[in-house]
Protein backbone atom coordinates (compact mmCIF):
# COMPACT_ATOMS: atom_id res chain seq x y z
CA MET A 1 -12.45 19.42 6.78
CA ALA A 2 -11.38 15.77 6.53
CA GLU A 3 -7.85 14.73 5.55
CA LEU A 4 -7.08 11.61 3.55
CA ILE A 5 -4.21 9.61 5.05
CA SER A 6 -2.56 7.34 2.48
CA PHE A 7 -0.83 4.09 3.43
CA VAL A 8 2.39 5.20 1.70
CA VAL A 9 5.74 6.58 2.84
CA PRO A 10 5.15 10.32 3.43
CA THR A 11 7.23 12.45 1.07
CA GLN A 12 5.10 15.57 0.53
CA SER A 13 6.73 18.72 1.83
CA ASP A 14 3.67 19.65 3.93
CA LYS A 15 4.23 16.47 6.01
CA VAL A 16 7.95 17.10 6.61
CA LEU A 17 9.40 19.38 9.29
CA LEU A 18 12.94 20.71 9.39
CA VAL A 19 14.14 21.45 12.94
CA TRP A 20 17.43 23.24 13.56
CA GLU A 21 19.34 25.13 16.26
CA LEU A 22 19.49 21.86 18.23
CA SER A 23 22.07 21.85 21.02
CA ALA A 24 25.47 20.22 20.55
CA GLY A 25 25.39 18.81 24.10
CA PRO A 26 23.32 15.60 23.91
CA PRO A 27 24.24 12.82 21.46
CA ALA A 28 22.14 12.33 18.31
CA GLU A 29 20.33 9.30 19.79
CA ALA A 30 19.19 11.30 22.84
CA LEU A 31 18.05 14.18 20.63
CA SER A 32 16.09 11.77 18.43
CA HIS A 33 14.30 10.38 21.48
CA SER A 34 13.52 13.86 22.84
CA LEU A 35 12.21 15.03 19.45
CA SER A 36 10.04 11.92 19.12
CA THR A 37 8.56 12.54 22.57
CA VAL A 38 7.71 16.18 21.78
CA PHE A 39 6.44 15.86 18.22
CA SER A 40 4.49 12.64 18.67
CA GLN A 41 2.10 14.65 20.86
CA PHE A 42 0.78 16.20 17.63
CA GLY A 43 0.27 12.99 15.66
CA LEU A 44 1.77 9.74 14.49
CA LEU A 45 5.35 10.09 13.23
CA TYR A 46 6.82 8.14 10.35
CA SER A 47 10.43 9.00 11.18
CA VAL A 48 12.76 11.27 13.13
CA ARG A 49 16.28 11.64 11.75
CA VAL A 50 19.01 13.71 13.40
CA PHE A 51 22.13 14.95 11.57
CA PRO A 52 25.20 16.94 12.68
CA ASN A 53 25.50 20.45 11.33
CA ALA A 54 27.82 21.05 8.39
CA ALA A 55 31.45 21.75 9.22
CA VAL A 56 31.07 25.42 8.22
CA ALA A 57 28.22 25.92 10.71
CA ARG A 58 28.49 26.09 14.47
CA PRO A 59 28.44 22.76 16.37
CA GLY A 60 25.01 21.27 16.84
CA PHE A 61 22.39 19.24 15.06
CA TYR A 62 19.37 19.53 12.82
CA ALA A 63 16.54 17.07 12.31
CA ILE A 64 14.04 15.98 9.67
CA ILE A 65 10.69 14.79 11.04
CA LYS A 66 8.05 13.13 8.88
CA PHE A 67 4.37 12.96 9.81
CA TYR A 68 1.67 10.90 8.11
CA SER A 69 -0.71 13.86 8.35
CA SER A 70 -0.05 17.31 6.90
CA ARG A 71 -2.50 18.77 9.43
CA ASP A 72 -0.47 17.31 12.32
CA ALA A 73 2.77 18.61 10.82
CA GLN A 74 1.36 22.13 10.51
CA ARG A 75 0.07 22.12 14.09
CA ALA A 76 3.47 20.93 15.35
CA GLN A 77 5.29 23.62 13.36
CA LYS A 78 3.15 26.43 14.74
CA ALA A 79 3.35 25.18 18.33
CA CYS A 80 7.08 24.39 18.44
CA ASP A 81 8.76 27.08 16.32
CA GLY A 82 10.72 29.47 18.55
CA GLU A 83 10.22 27.33 21.66
CA PRO A 84 13.08 25.79 23.68
CA LEU A 85 11.24 22.44 23.89
CA PHE A 86 13.72 20.27 25.83
CA GLN A 87 16.76 22.58 25.73
CA THR A 88 17.62 26.04 27.06
CA SER A 89 17.67 27.86 23.70
CA PRO A 90 14.77 28.03 21.21
CA VAL A 91 14.66 25.86 18.11
CA LYS A 92 13.49 26.77 14.62
CA VAL A 93 10.85 24.60 12.97
CA ARG A 94 9.77 24.96 9.35
CA LEU A 95 7.68 22.94 6.94
CA GLY A 96 9.56 21.32 4.07
CA THR A 97 10.22 23.42 0.98
CA ARG A 98 7.90 22.76 -1.94
CA HIS A 99 9.42 21.76 -5.27
CA LYS A 100 6.51 21.71 -7.69
CA ALA A 101 8.59 20.41 -10.58
CA LEU A 102 9.97 17.51 -8.52
CA GLN A 103 7.87 14.35 -8.72
CA HIS A 104 8.25 12.10 -5.68
CA GLN A 105 8.07 8.36 -6.21
CA THR A 106 5.43 6.71 -4.05
CA PHE A 107 6.39 3.72 -1.91
CA ALA A 108 3.81 1.57 -0.13
CA LEU A 109 4.23 1.06 3.60
CA ASN A 110 5.36 -2.35 4.79
CA SER A 111 2.99 -4.52 6.82
CA SER A 112 4.13 -3.40 10.28
CA ARG A 113 3.85 0.29 9.33
CA CYS A 114 0.36 -0.31 7.89
CA GLN A 115 -0.72 -1.96 11.13
CA GLU A 116 0.77 0.87 13.20
CA LEU A 117 -1.11 3.44 11.12
CA ALA A 118 -4.40 1.51 11.26
CA ASN A 119 -4.08 1.00 15.02
CA TYR A 120 -3.43 4.72 15.54
CA TYR A 121 -6.50 5.91 13.64
CA PHE A 122 -8.95 3.02 14.16
CA GLY A 123 -7.77 1.59 17.51
CA PHE A 124 -6.42 -1.90 18.16
CA ASN A 125 -9.90 -3.41 18.04
CA GLY A 126 -11.27 -1.06 15.38
CA TRP A 127 -10.20 -3.08 12.37
CA SER A 128 -9.23 -6.59 11.34
CA LYS A 129 -7.83 -8.45 8.36
CA ARG A 130 -8.15 -11.97 7.09
CA ILE A 131 -6.21 -13.81 4.42
CA VAL A 132 -8.59 -14.99 1.73
CA LYS A 133 -6.03 -16.79 -0.41
CA LEU A 134 -2.27 -17.42 -0.38
CA GLN A 135 -0.84 -19.17 -3.43
CA GLU A 136 2.50 -19.66 -5.13
CA LEU A 137 2.48 -18.38 -8.69
CA SER A 138 3.93 -20.80 -11.23
CA GLY A 139 6.32 -19.36 -13.82
CA LEU A 140 5.37 -19.03 -17.47
CA GLU A 141 6.22 -22.15 -19.48
CA ASP A 142 7.99 -20.30 -22.28
CA ALA A 143 10.13 -18.42 -19.73
CA THR A 144 11.09 -21.75 -18.17
CA LEU A 145 12.01 -23.16 -21.58
CA ALA A 146 14.07 -20.09 -22.42
CA MET A 147 16.17 -20.41 -19.23
CA PRO A 148 16.12 -24.10 -18.26
CA MET A 149 19.24 -23.92 -16.07
CA GLN A 150 18.35 -20.75 -14.16
CA LYS A 151 16.45 -21.04 -10.90
CA GLN A 152 13.71 -18.44 -10.55
CA ASN A 153 12.72 -16.80 -7.28
CA PRO A 154 9.17 -17.98 -6.53
CA GLN A 155 6.38 -15.42 -6.40
CA PHE A 156 3.40 -15.61 -4.08
CA PHE A 157 -0.06 -14.13 -4.56
CA CYS A 158 -2.10 -13.14 -1.52
CA ALA A 159 -5.66 -11.82 -1.30
CA VAL A 160 -6.88 -10.22 1.92
CA GLU A 161 -9.95 -8.49 3.26
CA VAL A 162 -9.77 -5.56 5.68
CA VAL A 163 -12.85 -4.94 7.83
CA LEU A 164 -13.82 -1.78 9.73
CA PRO A 165 -16.71 -2.99 11.90
CA SER A 166 -17.52 0.42 13.42
CA TYR A 167 -18.09 1.84 9.93
CA GLY A 168 -19.77 -1.27 8.52
CA CYS A 169 -17.37 -1.50 5.61
CA ARG A 170 -14.91 -4.01 4.23
CA SER A 171 -12.32 -3.74 1.48
CA PRO A 172 -10.54 -6.46 -0.49
CA GLY A 173 -6.88 -6.15 -1.44
CA VAL A 174 -4.25 -8.11 -3.30
CA GLY A 175 -0.48 -8.33 -3.18
CA ILE A 176 2.39 -10.16 -4.82
CA SER A 177 5.71 -10.92 -3.15
CA GLU A 178 8.88 -12.45 -4.51
CA GLU A 179 10.89 -14.50 -2.05
CA PRO A 180 14.65 -15.05 -2.55
CA LEU A 181 15.22 -18.69 -3.43
CA HIS A 182 18.02 -19.16 -0.89
CA GLN A 183 15.66 -18.23 1.97
CA LEU A 184 13.11 -20.84 0.94
CA GLU A 185 15.86 -23.45 0.56
CA GLU A 186 16.98 -22.62 4.11
CA GLY A 187 13.45 -23.19 5.41
CA PHE A 188 12.13 -19.61 5.56
CA LEU A 189 8.49 -19.38 4.56
CA PRO A 190 6.88 -16.17 3.32
CA GLU A 191 4.98 -14.32 6.00
CA PRO A 192 1.49 -13.41 4.79
CA GLY A 193 1.44 -10.27 6.90
CA ALA A 194 4.55 -8.92 5.18
CA TYR A 195 2.95 -8.31 1.79
CA LEU A 196 2.17 -4.91 0.37
CA PHE A 197 -1.49 -4.65 -0.53
CA SER A 198 -3.47 -2.33 -2.72
CA ALA A 199 -7.19 -1.94 -2.24
CA THR A 200 -9.38 -2.84 -5.18
């Protein structure tokens, strides 16, 4: 059965693993690296975050690991729960708790995350993108008249096309970005690859 991978920040509980009983010996940075090495064997990771245990608990750490794929998260949970992994004592691994009443806000991935995800599933040469149009959007005249002394941050419109040659398909997308005025005055130009796009 196929799984749909969305180009959004993963927040669903079936894509999030909670790992605890982590040793107090190594520092958090070393634990984060070790966890990334182990869990990335099951699929592409969005993030690995390590936290110290609460003061009332025994010394040690716990971690929250986010996958893009719920299938990968479930495989990792089954394979790693109760295993020592990279330490002498076993760790506990559970899928995130479901809160049906809680609605998670969806955030689009930034450009570098989108490229990382596309490269993982399609390969570095398995997809391409081209910028069809990049244009600064002029402000509305009545808004300019209403606030003649206030400088507005310019907005840019960008249209792109993503091509998957192996599948013989292409998809257009559009995005709008607002650049802080001080950056443009200092000579920073908007980077077309940094826009968030939605397929149409």
